[in-house]
C-alpha cells in the first residue's frame, strides 16, 4: 500500500480514469440487454471511484495548503 498522500492521489486518479474509460467503452446503442448486471456494476464502481478521487483530491489540496502555510510561518 502506498503511504504518501501524493502516491495515493495518483493511483486513485488512474483507477478512476480506468473505470471511466471501461464504463463508457461498453455503451451500446443496439438495445441488447446482455450482461446488463456487469455494466450496471461497473457504472456504480465508476461513480464510487470518481467520488473517492474527489475526496483524495480535497485531502491532498488541504495538506498542501497546510504545509505551505507552515513553511511561510
PDB file of N, CA and C in Angstrom:
ATOM      1  N   UNK A   1       0.847  -1.176   0.000  1.00  0.00           N
ATOM      2  CA  UNK A   1       0.000   0.000   0.000  1.00  0.00           C
ATOM      3  C   UNK A   1       0.893   1.240   0.000  1.00  0.00           C
ATOM      4  N   UNK A   2       0.436   2.223  -0.696  1.00  0.00           N
ATOM      5  CA  UNK A   2       1.176   3.476  -0.805  1.00  0.00           C
ATOM      6  C   UNK A   2       0.875   4.316   0.425  1.00  0.00           C
ATOM      7  N   UNK A   3       1.915   4.757   1.104  1.00  0.00           N
ATOM      8  CA  UNK A   3       1.738   5.513   2.350  1.00  0.00           C
ATOM      9  C   UNK A   3       1.558   7.003   2.111  1.00  0.00           C
ATOM     10  N   UNK A   4       2.212   7.566   1.099  1.00  0.00           N
ATOM     11  CA  UNK A   4       2.148   9.007   0.899  1.00  0.00           C
ATOM     12  C   UNK A   4       0.822   9.415   0.262  1.00  0.00           C
ATOM     13  N   UNK A   5       0.393  10.609   0.596  1.00  0.00           N
ATOM     14  CA  UNK A   5      -0.857  11.139   0.042  1.00  0.00           C
ATOM     15  C   UNK A   5      -0.715  11.358  -1.464  1.00  0.00           C
ATOM     16  N   UNK A   6       0.456  11.810  -1.899  1.00  0.00           N
ATOM     17  CA  UNK A   6       0.665  12.061  -3.323  1.00  0.00           C
ATOM     18  C   UNK A   6       0.585  10.756  -4.123  1.00  0.00           C
ATOM     19  N   UNK A   7       1.153   9.672  -3.595  1.00  0.00           N
ATOM     20  CA  UNK A   7       1.076   8.376  -4.266  1.00  0.00           C
ATOM     21  C   UNK A   7      -0.346   7.857  -4.329  1.00  0.00           C
ATOM     22  N   UNK A   8      -1.092   7.998  -3.228  1.00  0.00           N
ATOM     23  CA  UNK A   8      -2.493   7.584  -3.214  1.00  0.00           C
ATOM     24  C   UNK A   8      -3.305   8.412  -4.202  1.00  0.00           C
ATOM     25  N   UNK A   9      -3.006   9.704  -4.254  1.00  0.00           N
ATOM     26  CA  UNK A   9      -3.698  10.613  -5.163  1.00  0.00           C
ATOM     27  C   UNK A   9      -3.523  10.168  -6.611  1.00  0.00           C
ATOM     28  N   UNK A  10      -2.293   9.858  -7.001  1.00  0.00           N
ATOM     29  CA  UNK A  10      -2.008   9.444  -8.373  1.00  0.00           C
ATOM     30  C   UNK A  10      -2.659   8.094  -8.683  1.00  0.00           C
ATOM     31  N   UNK A  11      -2.546   7.126  -7.778  1.00  0.00           N
ATOM     32  CA  UNK A  11      -3.123   5.804  -8.028  1.00  0.00           C
ATOM     33  C   UNK A  11      -4.649   5.841  -8.115  1.00  0.00           C
ATOM     34  N   UNK A  12      -5.274   6.603  -7.251  1.00  0.00           N
ATOM     35  CA  UNK A  12      -6.737   6.675  -7.268  1.00  0.00           C
ATOM     36  C   UNK A  12      -7.226   7.405  -8.511  1.00  0.00           C
ATOM     37  N   UNK A  13      -6.504   8.437  -8.948  1.00  0.00           N
ATOM     38  CA  UNK A  13      -6.888   9.107 -10.190  1.00  0.00           C
ATOM     39  C   UNK A  13      -6.762   8.168 -11.386  1.00  0.00           C
ATOM     40  N   UNK A  14      -5.701   7.372 -11.421  1.00  0.00           N
ATOM     41  CA  UNK A  14      -5.549   6.397 -12.508  1.00  0.00           C
ATOM     42  C   UNK A  14      -6.669   5.355 -12.486  1.00  0.00           C
ATOM     43  N   UNK A  15      -7.022   4.897 -11.295  1.00  0.00           N
ATOM     44  CA  UNK A  15      -8.121   3.927 -11.179  1.00  0.00           C
ATOM     45  C   UNK A  15      -9.444   4.542 -11.619  1.00  0.00           C
ATOM     46  N   UNK A  16      -9.701   5.783 -11.241  1.00  0.00           N
ATOM     47  CA  UNK A  16     -10.947   6.451 -11.632  1.00  0.00           C
ATOM     48  C   UNK A  16     -11.011   6.619 -13.147  1.00  0.00           C
ATOM     49  N   UNK A  17      -9.903   7.055 -13.754  1.00  0.00           N
ATOM     50  CA  UNK A  17      -9.881   7.179 -15.215  1.00  0.00           C
ATOM     51  C   UNK A  17     -10.068   5.828 -15.887  1.00  0.00           C
ATOM     52  N   UNK A  18      -9.483   4.787 -15.319  1.00  0.00           N
ATOM     53  CA  UNK A  18      -9.660   3.443 -15.877  1.00  0.00           C
ATOM     54  C   UNK A  18     -11.112   2.994 -15.842  1.00  0.00           C
ATOM     55  N   UNK A  19     -11.799   3.226 -14.716  1.00  0.00           N
ATOM     56  CA  UNK A  19     -13.206   2.857 -14.626  1.00  0.00           C
ATOM     57  C   UNK A  19     -14.074   3.701 -15.556  1.00  0.00           C
ATOM     58  N   UNK A  20     -13.742   4.967 -15.718  1.00  0.00           N
ATOM     59  CA  UNK A  20     -14.497   5.821 -16.638  1.00  0.00           C
ATOM     60  C   UNK A  20     -14.347   5.315 -18.062  1.00  0.00           C
ATOM     61  N   UNK A  21     -13.131   5.020 -18.463  1.00  0.00           N
ATOM     62  CA  UNK A  21     -12.889   4.521 -19.822  1.00  0.00           C
ATOM     63  C   UNK A  21     -13.590   3.182 -20.024  1.00  0.00           C
ATOM     64  N   UNK A  22     -13.496   2.297 -19.025  1.00  0.00           N
ATOM     65  CA  UNK A  22     -14.135   0.982 -19.149  1.00  0.00           C
ATOM     66  C   UNK A  22     -15.651   1.108 -19.235  1.00  0.00           C
ATOM     67  N   UNK A  23     -16.235   1.965 -18.408  1.00  0.00           N
ATOM     68  CA  UNK A  23     -17.697   2.101 -18.409  1.00  0.00           C
ATOM     69  C   UNK A  23     -18.210   2.699 -19.710  1.00  0.00           C
ATOM     70  N   UNK A  24     -17.529   3.702 -20.224  1.00  0.00           N
ATOM     71  CA  UNK A  24     -18.000   4.346 -21.441  1.00  0.00           C
ATOM     72  C   UNK A  24     -17.612   3.602 -22.709  1.00  0.00           C
ATOM     73  N   UNK A  25     -16.676   2.680 -22.628  1.00  0.00           N
ATOM     74  CA  UNK A  25     -16.313   1.928 -23.827  1.00  0.00           C
ATOM     75  C   UNK A  25     -17.325   0.825 -24.135  1.00  0.00           C
ATOM     76  N   UNK A  26     -18.151   0.469 -23.161  1.00  0.00           N
ATOM     77  CA  UNK A  26     -19.132  -0.583 -23.379  1.00  0.00           C
ATOM     78  C   UNK A  26     -20.548  -0.053 -23.563  1.00  0.00           C
ATOM     79  N   UNK A  27     -20.689   1.224 -23.861  1.00  0.00           N
ATOM     80  CA  UNK A  27     -22.016   1.761 -24.150  1.00  0.00           C
ATOM     81  C   UNK A  27     -22.404   1.312 -25.554  1.00  0.00           C
ATOM     82  N   UNK A  28     -23.523   0.642 -25.622  1.00  0.00           N
ATOM     83  CA  UNK A  28     -24.007   0.154 -26.912  1.00  0.00           C
ATOM     84  C   UNK A  28     -25.398   0.719 -27.143  1.00  0.00           C
ATOM     85  N   UNK A  29     -25.662   1.071 -28.354  1.00  0.00           N
ATOM     86  CA  UNK A  29     -26.961   1.629 -28.709  1.00  0.00           C
ATOM     87  C   UNK A  29     -27.788   0.640 -29.522  1.00  0.00           C
ATOM     88  N   UNK A  30     -27.477  -0.658 -29.381  1.00  0.00           N
ATOM     89  CA  UNK A  30     -28.190  -1.666 -30.151  1.00  0.00           C
ATOM     90  C   UNK A  30     -29.445  -2.155 -29.453  1.00  0.00           C
ATOM     91  N   UNK A  31     -29.556  -1.904 -28.162  1.00  0.00           N
ATOM     92  CA  UNK A  31     -30.729  -2.355 -27.433  1.00  0.00           C
ATOM     93  C   UNK A  31     -30.576  -3.745 -26.858  1.00  0.00           C
ATOM     94  N   UNK A  32     -29.410  -4.351 -26.997  1.00  0.00           N
ATOM     95  CA  UNK A  32     -29.203  -5.673 -26.411  1.00  0.00           C
ATOM     96  C   UNK A  32     -29.135  -5.537 -24.899  1.00  0.00           C
ATOM     97  N   UNK A  33     -29.733  -6.473 -24.226  1.00  0.00           N
ATOM     98  CA  UNK A  33     -29.748  -6.434 -22.770  1.00  0.00           C
ATOM     99  C   UNK A  33     -28.843  -7.504 -22.171  1.00  0.00           C
ATOM    100  N   UNK A  34     -27.879  -7.987 -22.935  1.00  0.00           N
ATOM    101  CA  UNK A  34     -26.950  -8.978 -22.393  1.00  0.00           C
ATOM    102  C   UNK A  34     -25.984  -8.283 -21.445  1.00  0.00           C
ATOM    103  N   UNK A  35     -25.596  -8.994 -20.408  1.00  0.00           N
ATOM    104  CA  UNK A  35     -24.615  -8.529 -19.447  1.00  0.00           C
ATOM    105  C   UNK A  35     -25.004  -7.183 -18.830  1.00  0.00           C
ATOM    106  N   UNK A  36     -26.271  -6.979 -18.617  1.00  0.00           N
ATOM    107  CA  UNK A  36     -26.749  -5.732 -18.045  1.00  0.00           C
ATOM    108  C   UNK A  36     -26.218  -5.541 -16.621  1.00  0.00           C
ATOM    109  N   UNK A  37     -26.166  -6.628 -15.843  1.00  0.00           N
ATOM    110  CA  UNK A  37     -25.689  -6.527 -14.468  1.00  0.00           C
ATOM    111  C   UNK A  37     -24.229  -6.068 -14.419  1.00  0.00           C
ATOM    112  N   UNK A  38     -23.396  -6.586 -15.307  1.00  0.00           N
ATOM    113  CA  UNK A  38     -21.988  -6.192 -15.328  1.00  0.00           C
ATOM    114  C   UNK A  38     -21.830  -4.719 -15.664  1.00  0.00           C
ATOM    115  N   UNK A  39     -22.591  -4.244 -16.629  1.00  0.00           N
ATOM    116  CA  UNK A  39     -22.498  -2.830 -16.999  1.00  0.00           C
ATOM    117  C   UNK A  39     -22.963  -1.933 -15.871  1.00  0.00           C
ATOM    118  N   UNK A  40     -24.041  -2.315 -15.202  1.00  0.00           N
ATOM    119  CA  UNK A  40     -24.538  -1.525 -14.073  1.00  0.00           C
ATOM    120  C   UNK A  40     -23.541  -1.552 -12.924  1.00  0.00           C
ATOM    121  N   UNK A  41     -22.958  -2.707 -12.668  1.00  0.00           N
ATOM    122  CA  UNK A  41     -21.965  -2.832 -11.603  1.00  0.00           C
ATOM    123  C   UNK A  41     -20.763  -1.936 -11.869  1.00  0.00           C
ATOM    124  N   UNK A  42     -20.224  -1.981 -13.079  1.00  0.00           N
ATOM    125  CA  UNK A  42     -19.078  -1.142 -13.393  1.00  0.00           C
ATOM    126  C   UNK A  42     -19.454   0.341 -13.408  1.00  0.00           C
ATOM    127  N   UNK A  43     -20.682   0.671 -13.744  1.00  0.00           N
ATOM    128  CA  UNK A  43     -21.116   2.058 -13.698  1.00  0.00           C
ATOM    129  C   UNK A  43     -21.111   2.583 -12.262  1.00  0.00           C
ATOM    130  N   UNK A  44     -21.645   1.796 -11.322  1.00  0.00           N
ATOM    131  CA  UNK A  44     -21.641   2.226  -9.928  1.00  0.00           C
ATOM    132  C   UNK A  44     -20.231   2.252  -9.346  1.00  0.00           C
ATOM    133  N   UNK A  45     -19.384   1.320  -9.744  1.00  0.00           N
ATOM    134  CA  UNK A  45     -17.985   1.352  -9.306  1.00  0.00           C
ATOM    135  C   UNK A  45     -17.313   2.604  -9.846  1.00  0.00           C
ATOM    136  N   UNK A  46     -17.641   2.991 -11.075  1.00  0.00           N
ATOM    137  CA  UNK A  46     -17.084   4.216 -11.644  1.00  0.00           C
ATOM    138  C   UNK A  46     -17.506   5.430 -10.821  1.00  0.00           C
ATOM    139  N   UNK A  47     -18.768   5.496 -10.445  1.00  0.00           N
ATOM    140  CA  UNK A  47     -19.250   6.619  -9.645  1.00  0.00           C
ATOM    141  C   UNK A  47     -18.531   6.661  -8.300  1.00  0.00           C
ATOM    142  N   UNK A  48     -18.379   5.521  -7.652  1.00  0.00           N
ATOM    143  CA  UNK A  48     -17.690   5.479  -6.370  1.00  0.00           C
ATOM    144  C   UNK A  48     -16.213   5.837  -6.502  1.00  0.00           C
ATOM    145  N   UNK A  49     -15.561   5.394  -7.561  1.00  0.00           N
ATOM    146  CA  UNK A  49     -14.142   5.709  -7.718  1.00  0.00           C
ATOM    147  C   UNK A  49     -13.925   7.187  -8.019  1.00  0.00           C
ATOM    148  N   UNK A  50     -14.825   7.801  -8.764  1.00  0.00           N
ATOM    149  CA  UNK A  50     -14.713   9.240  -9.030  1.00  0.00           C
ATOM    150  C   UNK A  50     -14.982  10.027  -7.745  1.00  0.00           C
ATOM    151  N   UNK A  51     -15.951   9.590  -6.950  1.00  0.00           N
ATOM    152  CA  UNK A  51     -16.208  10.240  -5.665  1.00  0.00           C
ATOM    153  C   UNK A  51     -14.987  10.116  -4.749  1.00  0.00           C
ATOM    154  N   UNK A  52     -14.400   8.924  -4.702  1.00  0.00           N
ATOM    155  CA  UNK A  52     -13.206   8.706  -3.882  1.00  0.00           C
ATOM    156  C   UNK A  52     -12.045   9.555  -4.381  1.00  0.00           C
ATOM    157  N   UNK A  53     -11.895   9.688  -5.682  1.00  0.00           N
ATOM    158  CA  UNK A  53     -10.831  10.532  -6.238  1.00  0.00           C
ATOM    159  C   UNK A  53     -11.050  11.985  -5.833  1.00  0.00           C
ATOM    160  N   UNK A  54     -12.283  12.427  -5.790  1.00  0.00           N
ATOM    161  CA  UNK A  54     -12.583  13.784  -5.346  1.00  0.00           C
ATOM    162  C   UNK A  54     -12.240  13.990  -3.879  1.00  0.00           C
ATOM    163  N   UNK A  55     -12.532  12.994  -3.055  1.00  0.00           N
ATOM    164  CA  UNK A  55     -12.206  13.104  -1.633  1.00  0.00           C
ATOM    165  C   UNK A  55     -10.694  13.136  -1.419  1.00  0.00           C
ATOM    166  N   UNK A  56      -9.962  12.306  -2.133  1.00  0.00           N
ATOM    167  CA  UNK A  56      -8.498  12.292  -2.012  1.00  0.00           C
ATOM    168  C   UNK A  56      -7.914  13.592  -2.556  1.00  0.00           C
ATOM    169  N   UNK A  57      -8.501  14.128  -3.620  1.00  0.00           N
ATOM    170  CA  UNK A  57      -8.036  15.408  -4.160  1.00  0.00           C
ATOM    171  C   UNK A  57      -8.208  16.510  -3.123  1.00  0.00           C
ATOM    172  N   UNK A  58      -9.350  16.536  -2.455  1.00  0.00           N
ATOM    173  CA  UNK A  58      -9.590  17.528  -1.416  1.00  0.00           C
ATOM    174  C   UNK A  58      -8.584  17.366  -0.283  1.00  0.00           C
ATOM    175  N   UNK A  59      -8.318  16.135   0.122  1.00  0.00           N
ATOM    176  CA  UNK A  59      -7.355  15.874   1.189  1.00  0.00           C
ATOM    177  C   UNK A  59      -5.952  16.300   0.773  1.00  0.00           C
ATOM    178  N   UNK A  60      -5.587  16.023  -0.471  1.00  0.00           N
ATOM    179  CA  UNK A  60      -4.263  16.383  -0.976  1.00  0.00           C
ATOM    180  C   UNK A  60      -4.093  17.897  -1.038  1.00  0.00           C
ATOM    181  N   UNK A  61      -5.098  18.616  -1.526  1.00  0.00           N
ATOM    182  CA  UNK A  61      -5.027  20.071  -1.616  1.00  0.00           C
ATOM    183  C   UNK A  61      -4.970  20.677  -0.214  1.00  0.00           C
ATOM    184  N   UNK A  62      -5.768  20.147   0.708  1.00  0.00           N
ATOM    185  CA  UNK A  62      -5.755  20.656   2.077  1.00  0.00           C
ATOM    186  C   UNK A  62      -4.390  20.435   2.717  1.00  0.00           C
ATOM    187  N   UNK A  63      -3.776  19.294   2.489  1.00  0.00           N
ATOM    188  CA  UNK A  63      -2.459  19.003   3.048  1.00  0.00           C
ATOM    189  C   UNK A  63      -1.400  19.925   2.456  1.00  0.00           C
ATOM    190  N   UNK A  64      -1.480  20.194   1.157  1.00  0.00           N
ATOM    191  CA  UNK A  64      -0.510  21.093   0.524  1.00  0.00           C
ATOM    192  C   UNK A  64      -0.648  22.515   1.061  1.00  0.00           C
ATOM    193  N   UNK A  65      -1.887  22.980   1.261  1.00  0.00           N
ATOM    194  CA  UNK A  65      -2.098  24.314   1.825  1.00  0.00           C
ATOM    195  C   UNK A  65      -1.560  24.392   3.247  1.00  0.00           C
ATOM    196  N   UNK A  66      -1.781  23.305   4.003  1.00  0.00           N
ATOM    197  CA  UNK A  66      -1.318  23.280   5.386  1.00  0.00           C
ATOM    198  C   UNK A  66       0.211  23.311   5.442  1.00  0.00           C
ATOM    199  N   UNK A  67       0.878  22.557   4.563  1.00  0.00           N
ATOM    200  CA  UNK A  67       2.332  22.561   4.519  1.00  0.00           C
ATOM    201  C   UNK A  67       2.867  23.918   4.067  1.00  0.00           C
ATOM    202  N   UNK A  68       2.200  24.517   3.079  1.00  0.00           N
ATOM    203  CA  UNK A  68       2.641  25.814   2.567  1.00  0.00           C
ATOM    204  C   UNK A  68       2.508  26.894   3.635  1.00  0.00           C
ATOM    205  N   UNK A  69       1.417  26.867   4.403  1.00  0.00           N
ATOM    206  CA  UNK A  69       1.229  27.877   5.441  1.00  0.00           C
ATOM    207  C   UNK A  69       2.197  27.667   6.606  1.00  0.00           C
ATOM    208  N   UNK A  70       2.572  26.423   6.895  1.00  0.00           N
ATOM    209  CA  UNK A  70       3.529  26.186   7.970  1.00  0.00           C
ATOM    210  C   UNK A  70       4.939  26.581   7.554  1.00  0.00           C
ATOM    211  N   UNK A  71       5.264  26.511   6.275  1.00  0.00           N
ATOM    212  CA  UNK A  71       6.578  26.921   5.784  1.00  0.00           C
ATOM    213  C   UNK A  71       6.694  28.438   5.821  1.00  0.00           C
ATOM    214  N   UNK A  72       5.614  29.140   5.498  1.00  0.00           N
ATOM    215  CA  UNK A  72       5.624  30.600   5.487  1.00  0.00           C
ATOM    216  C   UNK A  72       5.662  31.189   6.893  1.00  0.00           C
ATOM    217  N   UNK A  73       5.166  30.466   7.879  1.00  0.00           N
ATOM    218  CA  UNK A  73       5.127  30.989   9.242  1.00  0.00           C
ATOM    219  C   UNK A  73       6.454  30.930   9.936  1.00  0.00           C
TER     220      UNK A  73
END
